[in-house]
């Protein structure tokens, strides 16, 4: 944790970030579902103010650095979906699992480095409770030609 900030929202502010409004679904689903003590998010795209940050394949039109930025935005959007379900991020007891899909060229093999954009941000925001299990998966295409999509599972 950084600087002794008391809440995840305060730690985000210290990083110069904020949880955005919940991104509108692009199909027939809801952004997150609470089941018992867990919140599952739908896959979140790198949307900011209603627009994708980038389109295309990582290793092609999208650089590794741009993909990491996209992954961080996906994480913020996933946190927005969680917060909408539970009221505030301080209700999160633990980040359990992160799944990161990376639309990439066949020769790109650094999906875990893209996923680190999510993992490192969650560590900065939640400290030890942000450490999680993770999958980083290369895929041929994602909705709207997004380069990255992220799902979270958190315990509340």
C-alpha atoms as a PDB file:
ATOM      1  CA  UNK A   1       0.000   0.000   0.000  1.00  0.00           C
ATOM      2  CA  UNK A   2       1.127   3.520  -0.658  1.00  0.00           C
ATOM      3  CA  UNK A   3       1.298   6.548   1.587  1.00  0.00           C
ATOM      4  CA  UNK A   4      -0.978   5.166   4.294  1.00  0.00           C
ATOM      5  CA  UNK A   5      -4.193   6.011   2.439  1.00  0.00           C
ATOM      6  CA  UNK A   6      -7.151   4.417   4.177  1.00  0.00           C
ATOM      7  CA  UNK A   7      -9.375   3.344   1.268  1.00  0.00           C
ATOM      8  CA  UNK A   8      -8.847   1.884  -2.190  1.00  0.00           C
ATOM      9  CA  UNK A   9     -10.413   5.028  -3.692  1.00  0.00           C
ATOM     10  CA  UNK A  10      -7.851   7.179  -1.830  1.00  0.00           C
ATOM     11  CA  UNK A  11      -5.008   4.975  -3.070  1.00  0.00           C
ATOM     12  CA  UNK A  12      -6.327   5.369  -6.627  1.00  0.00           C
ATOM     13  CA  UNK A  13      -6.384   9.148  -6.147  1.00  0.00           C
ATOM     14  CA  UNK A  14      -2.741   9.027  -4.976  1.00  0.00           C
ATOM     15  CA  UNK A  15      -1.957   7.299  -8.284  1.00  0.00           C
ATOM     16  CA  UNK A  16      -3.789  10.032 -10.188  1.00  0.00           C
ATOM     17  CA  UNK A  17      -6.592   7.608 -11.082  1.00  0.00           C
ATOM     18  CA  UNK A  18     -10.289   7.316 -10.317  1.00  0.00           C
ATOM     19  CA  UNK A  19     -12.945   4.670 -10.773  1.00  0.00           C
ATOM     20  CA  UNK A  20     -14.939   5.674 -13.859  1.00  0.00           C
ATOM     21  CA  UNK A  21     -18.682   5.303 -14.317  1.00  0.00           C
ATOM     22  CA  UNK A  22     -19.692   1.725 -15.101  1.00  0.00           C
ATOM     23  CA  UNK A  23     -19.136   0.997 -18.795  1.00  0.00           C
ATOM     24  CA  UNK A  24     -22.351   0.233 -20.637  1.00  0.00           C
ATOM     25  CA  UNK A  25     -22.583  -3.408 -21.751  1.00  0.00           C
ATOM     26  CA  UNK A  26     -22.032  -3.963 -25.489  1.00  0.00           C
ATOM     27  CA  UNK A  27     -24.446  -6.951 -25.593  1.00  0.00           C
ATOM     28  CA  UNK A  28     -27.050  -8.795 -23.461  1.00  0.00           C
ATOM     29  CA  UNK A  29     -25.376  -9.058 -20.046  1.00  0.00           C
ATOM     30  CA  UNK A  30     -24.821  -7.106 -16.825  1.00  0.00           C
ATOM     31  CA  UNK A  31     -21.458  -5.615 -15.779  1.00  0.00           C
ATOM     32  CA  UNK A  32     -21.219  -7.673 -12.568  1.00  0.00           C
ATOM     33  CA  UNK A  33     -23.105 -10.255 -10.521  1.00  0.00           C
ATOM     34  CA  UNK A  34     -22.870 -10.798  -6.787  1.00  0.00           C
ATOM     35  CA  UNK A  35     -23.295 -14.382  -5.627  1.00  0.00           C
ATOM     36  CA  UNK A  36     -22.898 -14.889  -1.905  1.00  0.00           C
ATOM     37  CA  UNK A  37     -19.611 -13.322  -0.837  1.00  0.00           C
ATOM     38  CA  UNK A  38     -18.224 -13.043  -4.381  1.00  0.00           C
ATOM     39  CA  UNK A  39     -18.618 -10.538  -7.190  1.00  0.00           C
ATOM     40  CA  UNK A  40     -17.910 -11.727 -10.727  1.00  0.00           C
ATOM     41  CA  UNK A  41     -17.410  -9.063 -13.360  1.00  0.00           C
ATOM     42  CA  UNK A  42     -18.208  -9.468 -17.009  1.00  0.00           C
ATOM     43  CA  UNK A  43     -15.278  -8.989 -19.345  1.00  0.00           C
ATOM     44  CA  UNK A  44     -14.343  -5.311 -19.328  1.00  0.00           C
ATOM     45  CA  UNK A  45     -12.896  -3.612 -22.389  1.00  0.00           C
ATOM     46  CA  UNK A  46     -10.457  -0.667 -22.357  1.00  0.00           C
ATOM     47  CA  UNK A  47     -13.233   1.927 -22.648  1.00  0.00           C
ATOM     48  CA  UNK A  48     -12.696   5.489 -21.472  1.00  0.00           C
ATOM     49  CA  UNK A  49     -15.492   8.047 -21.878  1.00  0.00           C
ATOM     50  CA  UNK A  50     -17.365   5.695 -24.208  1.00  0.00           C
ATOM     51  CA  UNK A  51     -14.437   5.053 -26.568  1.00  0.00           C
ATOM     52  CA  UNK A  52     -11.907   2.229 -26.843  1.00  0.00           C
ATOM     53  CA  UNK A  53      -8.397   3.429 -26.011  1.00  0.00           C
ATOM     54  CA  UNK A  54      -6.973   1.330 -28.868  1.00  0.00           C
ATOM     55  CA  UNK A  55      -8.079  -1.227 -31.418  1.00  0.00           C
ATOM     56  CA  UNK A  56      -6.146  -3.986 -33.111  1.00  0.00           C
ATOM     57  CA  UNK A  57      -3.784  -6.788 -32.175  1.00  0.00           C
ATOM     58  CA  UNK A  58      -1.014  -6.586 -29.613  1.00  0.00           C
ATOM     59  CA  UNK A  59       2.249  -7.227 -31.414  1.00  0.00           C
ATOM     60  CA  UNK A  60       0.745  -5.597 -34.512  1.00  0.00           C
ATOM     61  CA  UNK A  61      -1.080  -2.257 -34.411  1.00  0.00           C
ATOM     62  CA  UNK A  62      -0.891  -2.128 -30.594  1.00  0.00           C
ATOM     63  CA  UNK A  63       2.431  -2.011 -28.740  1.00  0.00           C
ATOM     64  CA  UNK A  64       3.129  -3.811 -25.468  1.00  0.00           C
ATOM     65  CA  UNK A  65       3.123  -0.466 -23.634  1.00  0.00           C
ATOM     66  CA  UNK A  66      -0.236   0.506 -25.154  1.00  0.00           C
ATOM     67  CA  UNK A  67      -1.644  -2.910 -24.229  1.00  0.00           C
ATOM     68  CA  UNK A  68      -0.537  -2.468 -20.607  1.00  0.00           C
ATOM     69  CA  UNK A  69      -2.316   0.917 -20.554  1.00  0.00           C
ATOM     70  CA  UNK A  70      -5.416  -0.780 -21.973  1.00  0.00           C
ATOM     71  CA  UNK A  71      -5.196  -3.507 -19.329  1.00  0.00           C
ATOM     72  CA  UNK A  72      -5.068  -0.890 -16.570  1.00  0.00           C
ATOM     73  CA  UNK A  73      -8.172   0.801 -18.003  1.00  0.00           C
ATOM     74  CA  UNK A  74      -9.941  -2.564 -18.144  1.00  0.00           C
ATOM     75  CA  UNK A  75      -9.076  -3.042 -14.464  1.00  0.00           C
ATOM     76  CA  UNK A  76     -10.502   0.372 -13.570  1.00  0.00           C
ATOM     77  CA  UNK A  77     -13.674  -0.497 -15.479  1.00  0.00           C
ATOM     78  CA  UNK A  78     -13.910  -3.821 -13.641  1.00  0.00           C
ATOM     79  CA  UNK A  79     -13.493  -2.001 -10.327  1.00  0.00           C
ATOM     80  CA  UNK A  80     -16.343   0.307 -11.379  1.00  0.00           C
ATOM     81  CA  UNK A  81     -18.556  -2.748 -11.939  1.00  0.00           C
ATOM     82  CA  UNK A  82     -17.574  -4.150  -8.526  1.00  0.00           C
ATOM     83  CA  UNK A  83     -18.210  -0.840  -6.787  1.00  0.00           C
ATOM     84  CA  UNK A  84     -21.655  -0.581  -8.414  1.00  0.00           C
ATOM     85  CA  UNK A  85     -22.525  -3.953  -6.834  1.00  0.00           C
ATOM     86  CA  UNK A  86     -21.117  -3.370  -3.336  1.00  0.00           C
ATOM     87  CA  UNK A  87     -21.202   0.404  -2.824  1.00  0.00           C
ATOM     88  CA  UNK A  88     -17.523   1.068  -2.151  1.00  0.00           C
ATOM     89  CA  UNK A  89     -14.242  -0.658  -2.905  1.00  0.00           C
ATOM     90  CA  UNK A  90     -13.347  -0.928   0.774  1.00  0.00           C
ATOM     91  CA  UNK A  91     -15.950  -3.744   0.863  1.00  0.00           C
ATOM     92  CA  UNK A  92     -13.522  -5.892  -1.160  1.00  0.00           C
ATOM     93  CA  UNK A  93     -11.844  -8.365   1.191  1.00  0.00           C
ATOM     94  CA  UNK A  94      -9.701  -9.995  -1.486  1.00  0.00           C
ATOM     95  CA  UNK A  95      -9.131 -10.064  -5.212  1.00  0.00           C
ATOM     96  CA  UNK A  96      -9.454 -13.794  -5.907  1.00  0.00           C
ATOM     97  CA  UNK A  97      -8.895 -14.240  -9.657  1.00  0.00           C
ATOM     98  CA  UNK A  98      -8.034 -12.133 -12.674  1.00  0.00           C
ATOM     99  CA  UNK A  99      -8.476 -13.315 -16.255  1.00  0.00           C
ATOM    100  CA  UNK A 100      -6.834 -11.241 -18.990  1.00  0.00           C
ATOM    101  CA  UNK A 101      -7.558 -11.889 -22.658  1.00  0.00           C
ATOM    102  CA  UNK A 102      -5.078 -10.382 -25.110  1.00  0.00           C
ATOM    103  CA  UNK A 103      -5.949 -10.177 -28.810  1.00  0.00           C
ATOM    104  CA  UNK A 104      -2.501 -10.693 -30.242  1.00  0.00           C
ATOM    105  CA  UNK A 105      -0.560 -11.616 -33.336  1.00  0.00           C
ATOM    106  CA  UNK A 106       0.467 -15.286 -33.579  1.00  0.00           C
ATOM    107  CA  UNK A 107       4.101 -14.482 -32.718  1.00  0.00           C
ATOM    108  CA  UNK A 108       3.316 -12.336 -29.636  1.00  0.00           C
ATOM    109  CA  UNK A 109       3.986 -14.296 -26.439  1.00  0.00           C
ATOM    110  CA  UNK A 110       4.121 -11.592 -23.758  1.00  0.00           C
ATOM    111  CA  UNK A 111       0.491 -11.890 -22.607  1.00  0.00           C
ATOM    112  CA  UNK A 112       1.687 -12.137 -18.966  1.00  0.00           C
ATOM    113  CA  UNK A 113       3.409  -8.738 -19.301  1.00  0.00           C
ATOM    114  CA  UNK A 114       0.133  -7.225 -20.510  1.00  0.00           C
ATOM    115  CA  UNK A 115      -1.673  -8.859 -17.579  1.00  0.00           C
ATOM    116  CA  UNK A 116       0.867  -7.328 -15.192  1.00  0.00           C
ATOM    117  CA  UNK A 117      -0.797  -3.979 -15.919  1.00  0.00           C
ATOM    118  CA  UNK A 118      -3.865  -5.302 -14.102  1.00  0.00           C
ATOM    119  CA  UNK A 119      -2.031  -7.204 -11.367  1.00  0.00           C
ATOM    120  CA  UNK A 120       0.270  -4.335 -10.441  1.00  0.00           C
ATOM    121  CA  UNK A 121      -2.607  -1.848 -10.302  1.00  0.00           C
ATOM    122  CA  UNK A 122      -4.654  -4.149  -8.056  1.00  0.00           C
ATOM    123  CA  UNK A 123      -1.624  -4.572  -5.793  1.00  0.00           C
ATOM    124  CA  UNK A 124      -1.231  -0.801  -5.530  1.00  0.00           C
ATOM    125  CA  UNK A 125      -4.924  -0.322  -4.763  1.00  0.00           C
ATOM    126  CA  UNK A 126      -5.578  -3.245  -2.393  1.00  0.00           C
ATOM    127  CA  UNK A 127      -2.141  -4.137  -1.034  1.00  0.00           C
ATOM    128  CA  UNK A 128      -1.839  -7.751   0.108  1.00  0.00           C
ATOM    129  CA  UNK A 129      -5.582  -8.293  -0.493  1.00  0.00           C
ATOM    130  CA  UNK A 130      -4.934  -7.493  -4.163  1.00  0.00           C
ATOM    131  CA  UNK A 131      -2.691 -10.534  -4.695  1.00  0.00           C
ATOM    132  CA  UNK A 132      -4.603 -13.020  -6.824  1.00  0.00           C
ATOM    133  CA  UNK A 133      -4.614 -16.081  -9.029  1.00  0.00           C
ATOM    134  CA  UNK A 134      -4.462 -15.177 -12.721  1.00  0.00           C
ATOM    135  CA  UNK A 135      -4.757 -16.374 -16.281  1.00  0.00           C
ATOM    136  CA  UNK A 136      -3.305 -14.467 -19.248  1.00  0.00           C
ATOM    137  CA  UNK A 137      -4.701 -15.810 -22.506  1.00  0.00           C
ATOM    138  CA  UNK A 138      -3.845 -14.930 -26.098  1.00  0.00           C
ATOM    139  CA  UNK A 139      -6.856 -14.864 -28.443  1.00  0.00           C
ATOM    140  CA  UNK A 140      -7.372 -14.070 -32.108  1.00  0.00           C
ATOM    141  CA  UNK A 141     -10.001 -11.349 -31.667  1.00  0.00           C
ATOM    142  CA  UNK A 142     -12.033  -9.597 -28.965  1.00  0.00           C
ATOM    143  CA  UNK A 143     -15.304  -7.636 -29.154  1.00  0.00           C
ATOM    144  CA  UNK A 144     -15.102  -4.323 -31.043  1.00  0.00           C
ATOM    145  CA  UNK A 145     -11.509  -5.244 -32.059  1.00  0.00           C
ATOM    146  CA  UNK A 146     -10.335  -4.385 -28.524  1.00  0.00           C
ATOM    147  CA  UNK A 147      -6.774  -5.479 -27.753  1.00  0.00           C
ATOM    148  CA  UNK A 148      -7.481  -6.498 -24.118  1.00  0.00           C
ATOM    149  CA  UNK A 149     -10.404  -7.707 -21.995  1.00  0.00           C
ATOM    150  CA  UNK A 150     -10.323  -8.299 -18.226  1.00  0.00           C
ATOM    151  CA  UNK A 151     -12.546 -10.214 -15.785  1.00  0.00           C
ATOM    152  CA  UNK A 152     -12.297 -10.005 -11.988  1.00  0.00           C
ATOM    153  CA  UNK A 153     -13.538 -12.239  -9.216  1.00  0.00           C
ATOM    154  CA  UNK A 154     -13.473 -10.587  -5.801  1.00  0.00           C
ATOM    155  CA  UNK A 155     -14.534 -11.635  -2.328  1.00  0.00           C
ATOM    156  CA  UNK A 156     -16.578  -9.136  -0.326  1.00  0.00           C
END
